[in-house]
Amino acid sequence: MREFSLEFLALSVGVFLLTVLAEWRLIPVLRSHKAGQRILEIGPRWHKAKEGTPTMGGIGFILAALIGASAFFILRAVRGTAMTEVPLALTLAFAVGNGAIGFVDDYCKLVKKQNEGLTWYQKLILQIAVAAAYVSVMSYMGFVDTSVDLPFSSKAWELGWFFYPVSILVLVGVVNGGNLTDGIDGLASSVTFVIGGLFALVAFAWRDPSVGLVSAILLGATLGFLVYNFHPAKVFMGDTGSLFLGALVIGGAFMLRAHFVGLIVCGVFIFEMLSSFLQVIYFKLTHGKRLFRMAPFHHHLEKCGWNEYAIVAFFTVCEILLCILGWFALGV
């Protein structure tokens, strides 16, 4: 246990410091390539002041996460226990795959100046492919099976073949929810930091080093990024970072075999996604009326007069409550 604690501390601090250093070096590079955020006219008018803020900052903490994780993979290989970290490696690959999709989209829009980047259906097809590969390999290697643990219960629900489309739907949904949550300074990072804290508590309670390393990466990366991303932000993570974090969070839940609890813990991401979905449906059904002043919901709160500090605090408290609920749902 002492060794696990030292590894957890070393990785979280290491990823934090590497993220701070990487972002410090990356921000001028992004500025030089004019990779600045474009603010849409339909957005809150006060966001115009953020026009030109460097984005794609997710590259920094992704590199930090990969360097930190690689060091531990090498350590495990030297000890002859590398196979114990295969689920972590697969989950990181899943997260990096989604980050790569976000990078291509960001790069096309911001560097190549292509208006749309990837279309929504191109991104969706790629995300489904990455999620399907992740679930298939995890299942083939025996790290997940077709039964899922039910929250607040010691029982499991056998889904059979239905497990695969349900898992892909959950993975893709949460990843995109994380993307939509990244709309104001510090919001996605703060919410993800809380989830990383829950994973750390569960990892220590269950003595699960792999999930502990996922939590260490989440805590170090998000806290390091908040140094530059807290209001007023000096850099945004872009789709590159938000898709990576969303995938790493729900991948951590899959490593715990807590698929339904993952939905509880990722409740903020899911709510943000649903608020955008409902806005579109309501708009079409009512021929132009809006359910919210603006979607996703954090923009609705902005339109209602909330400042960014209050919105981040509100969602962070909501996420803390969801994580407390998730703790009891896991029966830790």
Protein backbone atom coordinates (compact mmCIF):
# COMPACT_ATOMS: atom_id res chain seq x y z
CA MET A 1 0.00 0.00 0.00
CA ARG A 2 2.87 2.35 0.82
CA GLU A 3 4.42 1.66 -2.59
CA PHE A 4 1.07 2.37 -4.30
CA SER A 5 0.77 5.66 -2.37
CA LEU A 6 4.25 6.74 -3.45
CA GLU A 7 3.54 5.84 -7.09
CA PHE A 8 0.25 7.72 -7.02
CA LEU A 9 1.91 10.80 -5.51
CA ALA A 10 4.84 10.66 -7.94
CA LEU A 11 2.61 10.34 -11.02
CA SER A 12 0.09 13.03 -10.00
CA VAL A 13 2.83 15.53 -9.08
CA GLY A 14 4.87 14.58 -12.14
CA VAL A 15 1.95 15.04 -14.55
CA PHE A 16 1.06 18.33 -12.84
CA LEU A 17 4.57 19.73 -13.24
CA LEU A 18 4.91 18.42 -16.80
CA THR A 19 1.55 19.97 -17.71
CA VAL A 20 2.52 23.35 -16.27
CA LEU A 21 5.83 23.23 -18.17
CA ALA A 22 4.27 21.97 -21.40
CA GLU A 23 1.55 24.64 -21.43
CA TRP A 24 4.11 27.36 -20.66
CA ARG A 25 6.08 26.32 -23.75
CA LEU A 26 3.02 25.54 -25.88
CA ILE A 27 1.07 28.80 -25.50
CA PRO A 28 3.61 30.93 -27.44
CA VAL A 29 3.78 28.26 -30.16
CA LEU A 30 0.00 28.28 -30.54
CA ARG A 31 0.03 32.08 -30.70
CA SER A 32 2.72 32.04 -33.38
CA HIS A 33 0.59 29.67 -35.48
CA LYS A 34 -2.46 31.90 -34.89
CA ALA A 35 -4.32 28.95 -33.33
CA GLY A 36 -6.70 31.30 -31.54
CA GLN A 37 -10.28 30.62 -30.50
CA ARG A 38 -12.96 32.02 -32.77
CA ILE A 39 -16.09 33.22 -31.00
CA LEU A 40 -19.37 32.67 -32.84
CA GLU A 41 -21.82 35.55 -33.18
CA ILE A 42 -24.58 33.45 -31.60
CA GLY A 43 -22.56 33.16 -28.36
CA PRO A 44 -22.72 35.52 -25.40
CA ARG A 45 -21.46 38.93 -26.57
CA TRP A 46 -19.01 39.21 -23.63
CA HIS A 47 -17.17 36.16 -24.98
CA LYS A 48 -15.87 38.36 -27.83
CA ALA A 49 -13.13 39.51 -25.47
CA LYS A 50 -11.80 35.92 -25.59
CA GLU A 51 -11.37 36.01 -29.37
CA GLY A 52 -7.86 34.92 -30.29
CA THR A 53 -7.06 33.13 -27.01
CA PRO A 54 -4.85 30.15 -27.94
CA THR A 55 -6.66 26.83 -28.05
CA MET A 56 -5.56 23.21 -28.59
CA GLY A 57 -3.94 23.46 -25.14
CA GLY A 58 -5.02 19.87 -24.53
CA ILE A 59 -1.86 18.86 -26.39
CA GLY A 60 0.13 19.90 -23.34
CA PHE A 61 -1.55 17.71 -20.76
CA ILE A 62 -1.89 14.79 -23.17
CA LEU A 63 1.88 14.80 -23.66
CA ALA A 64 2.37 15.11 -19.89
CA ALA A 65 0.03 12.16 -19.30
CA LEU A 66 1.80 9.99 -21.87
CA ILE A 67 5.27 10.80 -20.51
CA GLY A 68 4.18 10.08 -16.94
CA ALA A 69 2.36 6.87 -17.85
CA SER A 70 5.28 5.68 -20.02
CA ALA A 71 7.64 6.01 -17.05
CA PHE A 72 5.38 3.74 -15.01
CA PHE A 73 4.98 1.23 -17.85
CA ILE A 74 8.77 0.99 -18.07
CA LEU A 75 8.97 0.54 -14.29
CA ARG A 76 6.39 -2.26 -14.46
CA ALA A 77 8.26 -3.90 -17.35
CA VAL A 78 11.50 -3.87 -15.37
CA ARG A 79 9.68 -5.54 -12.48
CA GLY A 80 8.08 -8.08 -14.81
CA THR A 81 4.52 -6.93 -14.01
CA ALA A 82 3.76 -5.01 -17.20
CA MET A 83 0.68 -7.14 -18.01
CA THR A 84 -1.10 -5.77 -14.94
CA GLU A 85 -1.22 -2.36 -16.63
CA VAL A 86 -2.72 -3.48 -19.94
CA PRO A 87 -6.20 -2.09 -19.04
CA LEU A 88 -4.58 1.27 -18.24
CA ALA A 89 -2.67 1.21 -21.53
CA LEU A 90 -5.85 0.41 -23.48
CA THR A 91 -7.79 3.15 -21.69
CA LEU A 92 -5.04 5.67 -22.42
CA ALA A 93 -5.06 4.55 -26.07
CA PHE A 94 -8.83 5.09 -26.15
CA ALA A 95 -8.39 8.59 -24.69
CA VAL A 96 -5.54 9.44 -27.07
CA GLY A 97 -7.62 8.18 -30.00
CA ASN A 98 -10.39 10.59 -29.11
CA GLY A 99 -7.87 13.35 -28.50
CA ALA A 100 -6.49 12.71 -31.99
CA ILE A 101 -9.98 13.13 -33.47
CA GLY A 102 -10.26 16.43 -31.61
CA PHE A 103 -6.80 17.47 -32.79
CA VAL A 104 -7.68 16.89 -36.45
CA ASP A 105 -10.86 18.92 -36.01
CA ASP A 106 -9.06 21.75 -34.19
CA TYR A 107 -6.18 21.75 -36.68
CA CYS A 108 -8.47 21.97 -39.71
CA LYS A 109 -10.49 24.81 -38.21
CA LEU A 110 -7.75 26.86 -36.57
CA VAL A 111 -4.55 26.25 -38.51
CA LYS A 112 -5.79 25.25 -41.96
CA LYS A 113 -8.65 27.80 -41.62
CA GLN A 114 -11.23 25.33 -42.91
CA ASN A 115 -14.56 26.62 -41.64
CA GLU A 116 -16.10 23.36 -40.48
CA GLY A 117 -13.13 21.12 -39.72
CA LEU A 118 -14.53 17.63 -39.44
CA THR A 119 -18.28 17.39 -39.97
CA TRP A 120 -20.38 16.12 -37.06
CA TYR A 121 -20.98 12.77 -38.73
CA GLN A 122 -17.29 12.30 -39.56
CA LYS A 123 -16.41 12.88 -35.89
CA LEU A 124 -19.21 10.56 -34.78
CA ILE A 125 -18.13 7.74 -37.10
CA LEU A 126 -14.53 8.05 -35.90
CA GLN A 127 -15.61 8.13 -32.24
CA ILE A 128 -17.78 5.04 -32.71
CA ALA A 129 -14.88 3.23 -34.38
CA VAL A 130 -12.49 4.10 -31.51
CA ALA A 131 -15.08 3.12 -28.88
CA ALA A 132 -15.87 -0.16 -30.64
CA ALA A 133 -12.16 -1.03 -30.82
CA TYR A 134 -11.72 -0.23 -27.12
CA VAL A 135 -14.68 -2.32 -25.97
CA SER A 136 -13.77 -5.22 -28.26
CA VAL A 137 -10.14 -5.43 -27.12
CA MET A 138 -11.03 -4.98 -23.44
CA SER A 139 -13.60 -7.78 -23.78
CA TYR A 140 -11.32 -10.07 -25.82
CA MET A 141 -8.57 -9.78 -23.21
CA GLY A 142 -11.01 -10.45 -20.38
CA PHE A 143 -10.88 -7.04 -18.70
CA VAL A 144 -14.65 -6.53 -19.13
CA ASP A 145 -17.47 -8.99 -19.70
CA THR A 146 -21.05 -8.71 -20.83
CA SER A 147 -22.47 -8.42 -17.32
CA VAL A 148 -22.59 -5.03 -15.60
CA ASP A 149 -22.80 -4.30 -11.90
CA LEU A 150 -26.00 -2.57 -10.82
CA PRO A 151 -25.66 0.59 -8.70
CA PHE A 152 -26.56 0.33 -4.99
CA SER A 153 -26.62 -3.44 -5.33
CA SER A 154 -24.36 -6.47 -5.26
CA LYS A 155 -26.19 -7.88 -8.28
CA ALA A 156 -25.09 -7.87 -11.91
CA TRP A 157 -27.14 -7.61 -15.08
CA GLU A 158 -26.16 -9.91 -17.93
CA LEU A 159 -26.58 -7.98 -21.20
CA GLY A 160 -25.23 -10.59 -23.61
CA TRP A 161 -24.41 -9.23 -27.06
CA PHE A 162 -26.42 -6.09 -26.22
CA PHE A 163 -23.50 -5.08 -23.98
CA TYR A 164 -21.46 -3.91 -26.98
CA PRO A 165 -23.83 -1.33 -28.55
CA VAL A 166 -24.82 -0.07 -25.09
CA SER A 167 -21.15 0.36 -24.12
CA ILE A 168 -20.34 2.17 -27.36
CA LEU A 169 -23.33 4.48 -26.83
CA VAL A 170 -22.22 5.27 -23.27
CA LEU A 171 -18.60 5.86 -24.27
CA VAL A 172 -19.40 8.13 -27.20
CA GLY A 173 -22.12 9.98 -25.26
CA VAL A 174 -19.89 10.80 -22.29
CA VAL A 175 -16.97 11.79 -24.51
CA ASN A 176 -19.15 14.28 -26.38
CA GLY A 177 -20.67 15.48 -23.12
CA GLY A 178 -17.19 16.30 -21.89
CA ASN A 179 -16.60 18.22 -25.10
CA LEU A 180 -19.77 20.30 -24.63
CA THR A 181 -18.92 21.03 -20.99
CA ASP A 182 -15.75 22.79 -22.14
CA GLY A 183 -17.45 26.12 -22.83
CA ILE A 184 -16.23 28.57 -20.19
CA ASP A 185 -12.93 29.09 -18.39
CA GLY A 186 -12.03 26.28 -16.01
CA LEU A 187 -15.35 24.43 -16.20
CA ALA A 188 -14.39 21.11 -17.82
CA SER A 189 -11.09 20.99 -15.91
CA SER A 190 -12.76 21.59 -12.53
CA VAL A 191 -15.47 18.99 -13.08
CA THR A 192 -12.93 16.43 -14.29
CA PHE A 193 -10.65 17.14 -11.31
CA VAL A 194 -13.48 16.17 -8.94
CA ILE A 195 -14.05 12.90 -10.82
CA GLY A 196 -10.33 12.19 -10.60
CA GLY A 197 -10.60 12.66 -6.84
CA LEU A 198 -13.37 10.06 -6.63
CA PHE A 199 -11.33 7.58 -8.67
CA ALA A 200 -8.42 8.11 -6.27
CA LEU A 201 -10.58 7.34 -3.23
CA VAL A 202 -12.00 4.22 -4.90
CA ALA A 203 -8.54 3.08 -6.01
CA PHE A 204 -7.19 3.30 -2.46
CA ALA A 205 -10.30 1.67 -0.97
CA TRP A 206 -10.20 -1.23 -3.46
CA ARG A 207 -6.38 -1.32 -3.70
CA ASP A 208 -6.56 -0.94 -7.49
CA PRO A 209 -3.25 0.54 -8.72
CA SER A 210 -4.38 0.86 -12.36
CA VAL A 211 -7.39 3.03 -11.51
CA GLY A 212 -5.13 4.88 -9.09
CA LEU A 213 -2.84 5.78 -11.97
CA VAL A 214 -5.82 6.96 -14.06
CA SER A 215 -6.88 9.21 -11.19
CA ALA A 216 -3.32 10.50 -10.75
CA ILE A 217 -3.22 11.46 -14.43
CA LEU A 218 -6.63 13.17 -14.22
CA LEU A 219 -5.71 15.10 -11.08
CA GLY A 220 -2.27 16.18 -12.30
CA ALA A 221 -3.41 17.11 -15.82
CA THR A 222 -6.50 19.10 -14.85
CA LEU A 223 -4.86 20.93 -11.95
CA GLY A 224 -1.84 21.78 -14.09
CA PHE A 225 -4.08 23.02 -16.90
CA LEU A 226 -6.16 25.12 -14.49
CA VAL A 227 -3.04 27.17 -13.78
CA TYR A 228 -3.55 28.65 -17.26
CA ASN A 229 -7.24 27.95 -17.87
CA PHE A 230 -8.89 29.45 -14.78
CA HIS A 231 -10.74 32.70 -15.53
CA PRO A 232 -9.46 34.72 -17.32
CA ALA A 233 -8.06 31.85 -19.37
CA LYS A 234 -4.68 32.15 -21.09
CA VAL A 235 -5.37 28.99 -23.13
CA PHE A 236 -8.28 26.70 -23.98
CA MET A 237 -8.00 22.92 -24.25
CA GLY A 238 -9.97 22.69 -27.51
CA ASP A 239 -11.62 19.50 -28.75
CA THR A 240 -8.16 17.93 -28.48
CA GLY A 241 -8.23 18.14 -24.69
CA SER A 242 -11.93 17.83 -23.93
CA LEU A 243 -12.37 14.62 -25.95
CA PHE A 244 -9.27 13.15 -24.29
CA LEU A 245 -10.49 13.95 -20.76
CA GLY A 246 -14.03 12.72 -21.44
CA ALA A 247 -12.67 9.43 -22.77
CA LEU A 248 -10.24 8.98 -19.86
CA VAL A 249 -13.03 9.56 -17.33
CA ILE A 250 -15.51 7.06 -18.78
CA GLY A 251 -12.65 4.66 -19.53
CA GLY A 252 -11.76 4.75 -15.83
CA ALA A 253 -15.33 3.75 -15.00
CA PHE A 254 -15.04 0.82 -17.43
CA MET A 255 -11.83 -0.27 -15.74
CA LEU A 256 -13.80 -0.40 -12.48
CA ARG A 257 -16.50 -2.43 -14.31
CA ALA A 258 -18.88 0.26 -13.03
CA HIS A 259 -20.61 1.22 -16.26
CA PHE A 260 -23.86 2.51 -14.75
CA VAL A 261 -22.07 4.24 -11.90
CA GLY A 262 -19.96 5.91 -14.58
CA LEU A 263 -23.16 7.49 -15.90
CA ILE A 264 -23.91 8.86 -12.42
CA VAL A 265 -20.40 10.22 -11.94
CA CYS A 266 -20.41 11.77 -15.43
CA GLY A 267 -23.80 13.33 -14.77
CA VAL A 268 -22.62 16.87 -15.48
CA PHE A 269 -21.24 15.83 -18.88
CA ILE A 270 -24.46 13.98 -19.71
CA PHE A 271 -26.68 16.86 -18.57
CA GLU A 272 -24.73 19.32 -20.72
CA MET A 273 -25.10 17.00 -23.72
CA LEU A 274 -28.83 16.49 -23.09
CA SER A 275 -29.43 20.23 -22.73
CA SER A 276 -28.01 20.76 -26.23
CA PHE A 277 -29.96 17.80 -27.64
CA LEU A 278 -33.23 18.96 -26.08
CA GLN A 279 -32.66 22.50 -27.32
CA VAL A 280 -32.39 21.28 -30.91
CA ILE A 281 -35.43 18.99 -30.64
CA TYR A 282 -37.57 21.66 -28.96
CA PHE A 283 -36.50 24.26 -31.52
CA LYS A 284 -37.58 22.00 -34.40
CA LEU A 285 -40.85 20.88 -32.80
CA THR A 286 -41.94 24.42 -31.91
CA HIS A 287 -40.68 25.97 -35.16
CA GLY A 288 -38.19 28.34 -33.62
CA LYS A 289 -38.87 28.51 -29.90
CA ARG A 290 -36.07 27.79 -27.42
CA LEU A 291 -36.16 25.63 -24.32
CA PHE A 292 -33.10 27.42 -22.88
CA ARG A 293 -31.80 30.88 -23.63
CA MET A 294 -28.74 29.14 -25.03
CA ALA A 295 -27.35 25.62 -24.97
CA PRO A 296 -25.49 23.89 -23.47
CA PHE A 297 -26.86 24.79 -20.06
CA HIS A 298 -23.83 26.71 -18.77
CA HIS A 299 -24.47 29.29 -21.51
CA HIS A 300 -28.11 29.51 -20.38
CA LEU A 301 -26.84 30.46 -16.91
CA GLU A 302 -24.58 33.09 -18.49
CA LYS A 303 -27.57 34.55 -20.33
CA CYS A 304 -29.39 34.64 -16.98
CA GLY A 305 -26.64 36.84 -15.55
CA TRP A 306 -24.38 34.32 -13.79
CA ASN A 307 -20.67 35.10 -13.97
CA GLU A 308 -18.11 32.45 -14.87
CA TYR A 309 -16.88 31.98 -11.29
CA ALA A 310 -20.42 31.23 -10.10
CA ILE A 311 -21.09 28.79 -12.95
CA VAL A 312 -17.87 26.86 -12.36
CA ALA A 313 -18.59 26.75 -8.61
CA PHE A 314 -22.17 25.55 -9.23
CA PHE A 315 -21.18 22.74 -11.58
CA THR A 316 -18.26 21.74 -9.36
CA VAL A 317 -20.57 21.42 -6.34
CA CYS A 318 -23.02 19.42 -8.46
CA GLU A 319 -20.18 17.13 -9.51
CA ILE A 320 -19.08 16.65 -5.90
CA LEU A 321 -22.63 15.60 -4.99
CA LEU A 322 -22.74 13.20 -7.95
CA CYS A 323 -19.41 11.69 -6.90
CA ILE A 324 -20.70 11.20 -3.34
CA LEU A 325 -23.71 9.42 -4.85
CA GLY A 326 -21.37 7.39 -7.04
CA TRP A 327 -19.31 6.39 -3.97
CA PHE A 328 -22.39 4.92 -2.29
CA ALA A 329 -23.58 3.38 -5.57
CA LEU A 330 -20.28 1.49 -5.78
CA GLY A 331 -20.77 0.20 -2.27
CA VAL A 332 -17.17 1.05 -1.40
